[in-house]
N, C-alpha and C. Protein backbone atom coordinates (compact mmCIF):
# COMPACT_ATOMS: atom_id res chain seq x y z
N MET A 1 108.49 105.56 65.66
CA MET A 1 107.44 106.29 66.36
C MET A 1 108.06 107.54 66.97
N ASN A 2 107.30 108.59 66.97
CA ASN A 2 107.72 109.86 67.54
C ASN A 2 108.01 109.67 69.03
N PRO A 3 109.21 110.06 69.53
CA PRO A 3 109.54 109.88 70.96
C PRO A 3 108.57 110.60 71.89
N LYS A 4 108.09 111.77 71.49
CA LYS A 4 107.16 112.52 72.33
C LYS A 4 105.83 111.77 72.45
N LEU A 5 105.36 111.23 71.34
CA LEU A 5 104.12 110.45 71.35
C LEU A 5 104.29 109.18 72.17
N LYS A 6 105.45 108.56 72.04
CA LYS A 6 105.74 107.33 72.77
C LYS A 6 105.71 107.55 74.28
N SER A 7 106.16 108.71 74.75
CA SER A 7 106.17 108.99 76.19
C SER A 7 104.76 109.15 76.75
N TYR A 8 103.76 109.47 75.91
CA TYR A 8 102.37 109.61 76.37
C TYR A 8 101.57 108.33 76.17
N LEU A 9 102.09 107.39 75.42
CA LEU A 9 101.33 106.20 75.06
C LEU A 9 101.02 105.32 76.28
N PHE A 10 102.01 104.96 77.07
CA PHE A 10 101.78 104.07 78.21
C PHE A 10 100.85 104.68 79.25
N PRO A 11 101.10 105.93 79.71
CA PRO A 11 100.17 106.50 80.70
C PRO A 11 98.74 106.61 80.16
N GLY A 12 98.62 106.93 78.89
CA GLY A 12 97.28 107.04 78.29
C GLY A 12 96.57 105.70 78.25
N LEU A 13 97.28 104.66 77.85
CA LEU A 13 96.68 103.33 77.82
C LEU A 13 96.34 102.84 79.22
N LEU A 14 97.21 103.13 80.17
CA LEU A 14 96.95 102.73 81.55
C LEU A 14 95.71 103.44 82.10
N ALA A 15 95.59 104.72 81.83
CA ALA A 15 94.41 105.48 82.29
C ALA A 15 93.14 104.94 81.64
N ALA A 16 93.21 104.61 80.35
CA ALA A 16 92.04 104.07 79.65
C ALA A 16 91.65 102.72 80.24
N LEU A 17 92.62 101.90 80.56
CA LEU A 17 92.35 100.60 81.15
C LEU A 17 91.70 100.73 82.52
N VAL A 18 92.24 101.60 83.36
CA VAL A 18 91.68 101.82 84.70
C VAL A 18 90.25 102.34 84.61
N LEU A 19 90.01 103.32 83.74
CA LEU A 19 88.66 103.86 83.58
C LEU A 19 87.70 102.81 83.04
N GLY A 20 88.18 101.99 82.12
CA GLY A 20 87.34 100.94 81.57
C GLY A 20 86.94 99.93 82.63
N ILE A 21 87.89 99.51 83.44
CA ILE A 21 87.59 98.55 84.51
C ILE A 21 86.64 99.16 85.53
N ALA A 22 86.88 100.42 85.90
CA ALA A 22 86.01 101.09 86.87
C ALA A 22 84.59 101.20 86.32
N GLY A 23 84.47 101.57 85.07
CA GLY A 23 83.15 101.66 84.44
C GLY A 23 82.44 100.32 84.42
N TYR A 24 83.18 99.28 84.07
CA TYR A 24 82.61 97.93 84.04
C TYR A 24 82.09 97.54 85.42
N LEU A 25 82.88 97.80 86.45
CA LEU A 25 82.47 97.44 87.81
C LEU A 25 81.23 98.21 88.25
N VAL A 26 81.16 99.49 87.89
CA VAL A 26 79.97 100.29 88.24
C VAL A 26 78.74 99.74 87.55
N VAL A 27 78.85 99.44 86.27
CA VAL A 27 77.71 98.91 85.52
C VAL A 27 77.29 97.56 86.10
N GLN A 28 78.24 96.71 86.46
CA GLN A 28 77.91 95.41 87.04
C GLN A 28 77.18 95.57 88.37
N SER A 29 77.64 96.51 89.20
CA SER A 29 77.00 96.67 90.51
C SER A 29 75.61 97.26 90.38
N LEU A 30 75.41 98.14 89.40
CA LEU A 30 74.08 98.72 89.20
C LEU A 30 73.12 97.71 88.61
N GLY A 31 73.62 96.87 87.73
CA GLY A 31 72.77 95.91 87.06
C GLY A 31 72.45 94.69 87.89
N SER A 32 73.15 94.49 88.99
CA SER A 32 72.93 93.28 89.78
C SER A 32 71.77 93.42 90.77
N GLY A 33 71.13 94.57 90.78
CA GLY A 33 70.02 94.77 91.70
C GLY A 33 70.47 94.98 93.13
N SER A 34 71.75 95.28 93.30
CA SER A 34 72.25 95.49 94.65
C SER A 34 71.67 96.78 95.23
N SER A 35 71.57 96.82 96.52
CA SER A 35 71.05 98.00 97.17
C SER A 35 72.03 98.45 98.24
N LEU A 36 71.73 99.55 98.87
CA LEU A 36 72.57 100.04 99.95
C LEU A 36 72.53 99.08 101.13
N PRO A 37 73.60 99.01 101.89
CA PRO A 37 73.60 98.10 103.04
C PRO A 37 72.56 98.53 104.08
N VAL A 38 72.06 97.56 104.79
CA VAL A 38 71.08 97.82 105.84
C VAL A 38 71.80 98.48 107.01
N VAL A 39 71.24 99.58 107.49
CA VAL A 39 71.82 100.28 108.63
C VAL A 39 71.29 99.64 109.89
N GLN A 40 72.18 99.32 110.78
CA GLN A 40 71.79 98.70 112.04
C GLN A 40 72.12 99.63 113.20
N ALA A 41 71.35 99.51 114.25
CA ALA A 41 71.61 100.31 115.44
C ALA A 41 72.92 99.87 116.08
N ALA A 42 73.62 100.81 116.66
CA ALA A 42 74.87 100.49 117.36
C ALA A 42 74.54 99.73 118.63
N PRO A 43 75.39 98.82 119.03
CA PRO A 43 75.15 98.13 120.30
C PRO A 43 75.25 99.13 121.45
N ASP A 44 74.62 98.79 122.56
CA ASP A 44 74.69 99.69 123.72
C ASP A 44 76.13 99.74 124.22
N PHE A 45 76.63 100.91 124.43
CA PHE A 45 77.99 101.08 124.94
C PHE A 45 78.00 102.25 125.91
N GLU A 46 79.07 102.37 126.66
CA GLU A 46 79.18 103.40 127.68
C GLU A 46 80.48 104.18 127.48
N LEU A 47 80.38 105.49 127.57
CA LEU A 47 81.53 106.38 127.42
C LEU A 47 81.57 107.36 128.58
N THR A 48 82.72 107.95 128.80
CA THR A 48 82.86 109.01 129.79
C THR A 48 82.89 110.33 129.05
N ASN A 49 81.99 111.25 129.44
CA ASN A 49 81.97 112.55 128.76
C ASN A 49 83.04 113.48 129.32
N VAL A 50 83.12 114.68 128.80
CA VAL A 50 84.17 115.62 129.21
C VAL A 50 84.04 116.05 130.66
N ASP A 51 82.85 115.87 131.26
CA ASP A 51 82.64 116.21 132.66
C ASP A 51 82.91 115.02 133.58
N GLY A 52 83.33 113.88 133.02
CA GLY A 52 83.62 112.71 133.82
C GLY A 52 82.41 111.84 134.11
N ARG A 53 81.25 112.16 133.55
CA ARG A 53 80.04 111.36 133.77
C ARG A 53 79.98 110.23 132.77
N GLN A 54 79.47 109.08 133.22
CA GLN A 54 79.27 107.94 132.33
C GLN A 54 77.98 108.16 131.53
N ILE A 55 78.08 107.98 130.24
CA ILE A 55 76.93 108.13 129.35
C ILE A 55 76.75 106.81 128.62
N LYS A 56 75.54 106.24 128.66
CA LYS A 56 75.24 105.02 127.94
C LYS A 56 74.50 105.37 126.66
N ALA A 57 74.83 104.67 125.60
CA ALA A 57 74.16 104.91 124.32
C ALA A 57 72.66 104.68 124.45
N GLY A 58 72.27 103.71 125.25
CA GLY A 58 70.86 103.40 125.44
C GLY A 58 70.07 104.52 126.08
N ASP A 59 70.75 105.46 126.75
CA ASP A 59 70.07 106.60 127.37
C ASP A 59 69.42 107.50 126.33
N ASN A 60 69.87 107.38 125.09
CA ASN A 60 69.35 108.22 124.00
C ASN A 60 68.45 107.46 123.05
N ALA A 61 67.90 106.35 123.48
CA ALA A 61 67.04 105.53 122.62
C ALA A 61 65.89 106.37 122.07
N GLY A 62 65.66 106.27 120.78
CA GLY A 62 64.57 107.00 120.14
C GLY A 62 64.92 108.42 119.75
N LYS A 63 66.12 108.86 120.06
CA LYS A 63 66.55 110.22 119.73
C LYS A 63 67.59 110.17 118.60
N VAL A 64 67.68 111.26 117.87
CA VAL A 64 68.73 111.38 116.88
C VAL A 64 69.99 111.84 117.60
N VAL A 65 71.08 111.11 117.43
CA VAL A 65 72.31 111.40 118.14
C VAL A 65 73.44 111.54 117.13
N LEU A 66 74.23 112.57 117.29
CA LEU A 66 75.42 112.76 116.47
C LEU A 66 76.62 112.78 117.40
N MET A 67 77.56 111.88 117.17
CA MET A 67 78.75 111.80 118.01
C MET A 67 79.98 112.08 117.18
N GLU A 68 80.96 112.67 117.82
CA GLU A 68 82.24 112.92 117.16
C GLU A 68 83.33 112.30 118.02
N PHE A 69 84.12 111.46 117.42
CA PHE A 69 85.25 110.86 118.11
C PHE A 69 86.50 111.47 117.50
N MET A 70 87.27 112.15 118.32
CA MET A 70 88.43 112.85 117.79
C MET A 70 89.59 112.83 118.76
N PHE A 71 90.73 113.15 118.24
CA PHE A 71 91.95 113.28 119.01
C PHE A 71 91.95 114.68 119.62
N THR A 72 91.92 114.81 120.93
CA THR A 72 91.68 116.10 121.57
C THR A 72 92.77 117.14 121.34
N SER A 73 93.98 116.74 121.02
CA SER A 73 95.01 117.75 120.75
C SER A 73 95.38 117.79 119.27
N CYS A 74 94.43 117.47 118.44
CA CYS A 74 94.61 117.50 116.99
C CYS A 74 94.78 118.95 116.54
N PRO A 75 95.83 119.27 115.80
CA PRO A 75 96.10 120.66 115.44
C PRO A 75 95.45 121.14 114.15
N ASP A 76 94.93 120.25 113.31
CA ASP A 76 94.49 120.72 111.99
C ASP A 76 92.98 120.72 111.82
N ILE A 77 92.37 119.63 111.41
CA ILE A 77 90.95 119.63 111.07
C ILE A 77 90.03 119.54 112.29
N CYS A 78 90.52 119.01 113.40
CA CYS A 78 89.67 118.81 114.58
C CYS A 78 89.06 120.10 115.13
N PRO A 79 89.80 121.20 115.25
CA PRO A 79 89.16 122.42 115.73
C PRO A 79 88.03 122.90 114.83
N VAL A 80 88.19 122.74 113.53
CA VAL A 80 87.13 123.15 112.59
C VAL A 80 85.92 122.24 112.76
N THR A 81 86.15 120.95 112.86
CA THR A 81 85.05 120.00 113.04
C THR A 81 84.33 120.26 114.36
N THR A 82 85.08 120.51 115.41
CA THR A 82 84.47 120.79 116.71
C THR A 82 83.65 122.07 116.66
N TYR A 83 84.14 123.08 115.98
CA TYR A 83 83.38 124.33 115.82
C TYR A 83 82.06 124.07 115.11
N LYS A 84 82.10 123.23 114.09
CA LYS A 84 80.88 122.89 113.35
C LYS A 84 79.91 122.13 114.25
N MET A 85 80.43 121.27 115.12
CA MET A 85 79.57 120.54 116.05
C MET A 85 78.91 121.50 117.04
N VAL A 86 79.64 122.49 117.50
CA VAL A 86 79.07 123.51 118.41
C VAL A 86 77.95 124.27 117.69
N GLN A 87 78.17 124.61 116.44
CA GLN A 87 77.12 125.29 115.66
C GLN A 87 75.87 124.41 115.54
N LEU A 88 76.06 123.13 115.31
CA LEU A 88 74.92 122.21 115.23
C LEU A 88 74.18 122.15 116.56
N GLN A 89 74.92 122.11 117.64
CA GLN A 89 74.29 122.02 118.95
C GLN A 89 73.45 123.27 119.25
N GLU A 90 73.98 124.42 118.86
CA GLU A 90 73.25 125.67 119.12
C GLU A 90 72.01 125.74 118.26
């Protein structure tokens, strides 16, 4: 067998096997009549906001709420995410 062809044989077969298994699993999950999981309301909880005030989740009952939990001194993606949250708020 050609050495160059031999070096591509194992990775190619492995990729085909992985794709085949993934495809099989997708078809099985679609054919089983499965649906998306039921979304449940979060339990009532209490947090301290940036001003030091206690905020209960139940205070926002019936409202659409978007929360972001982040590491406050995060140097990479957090400032971008926070900027996007400010844009949403405005």
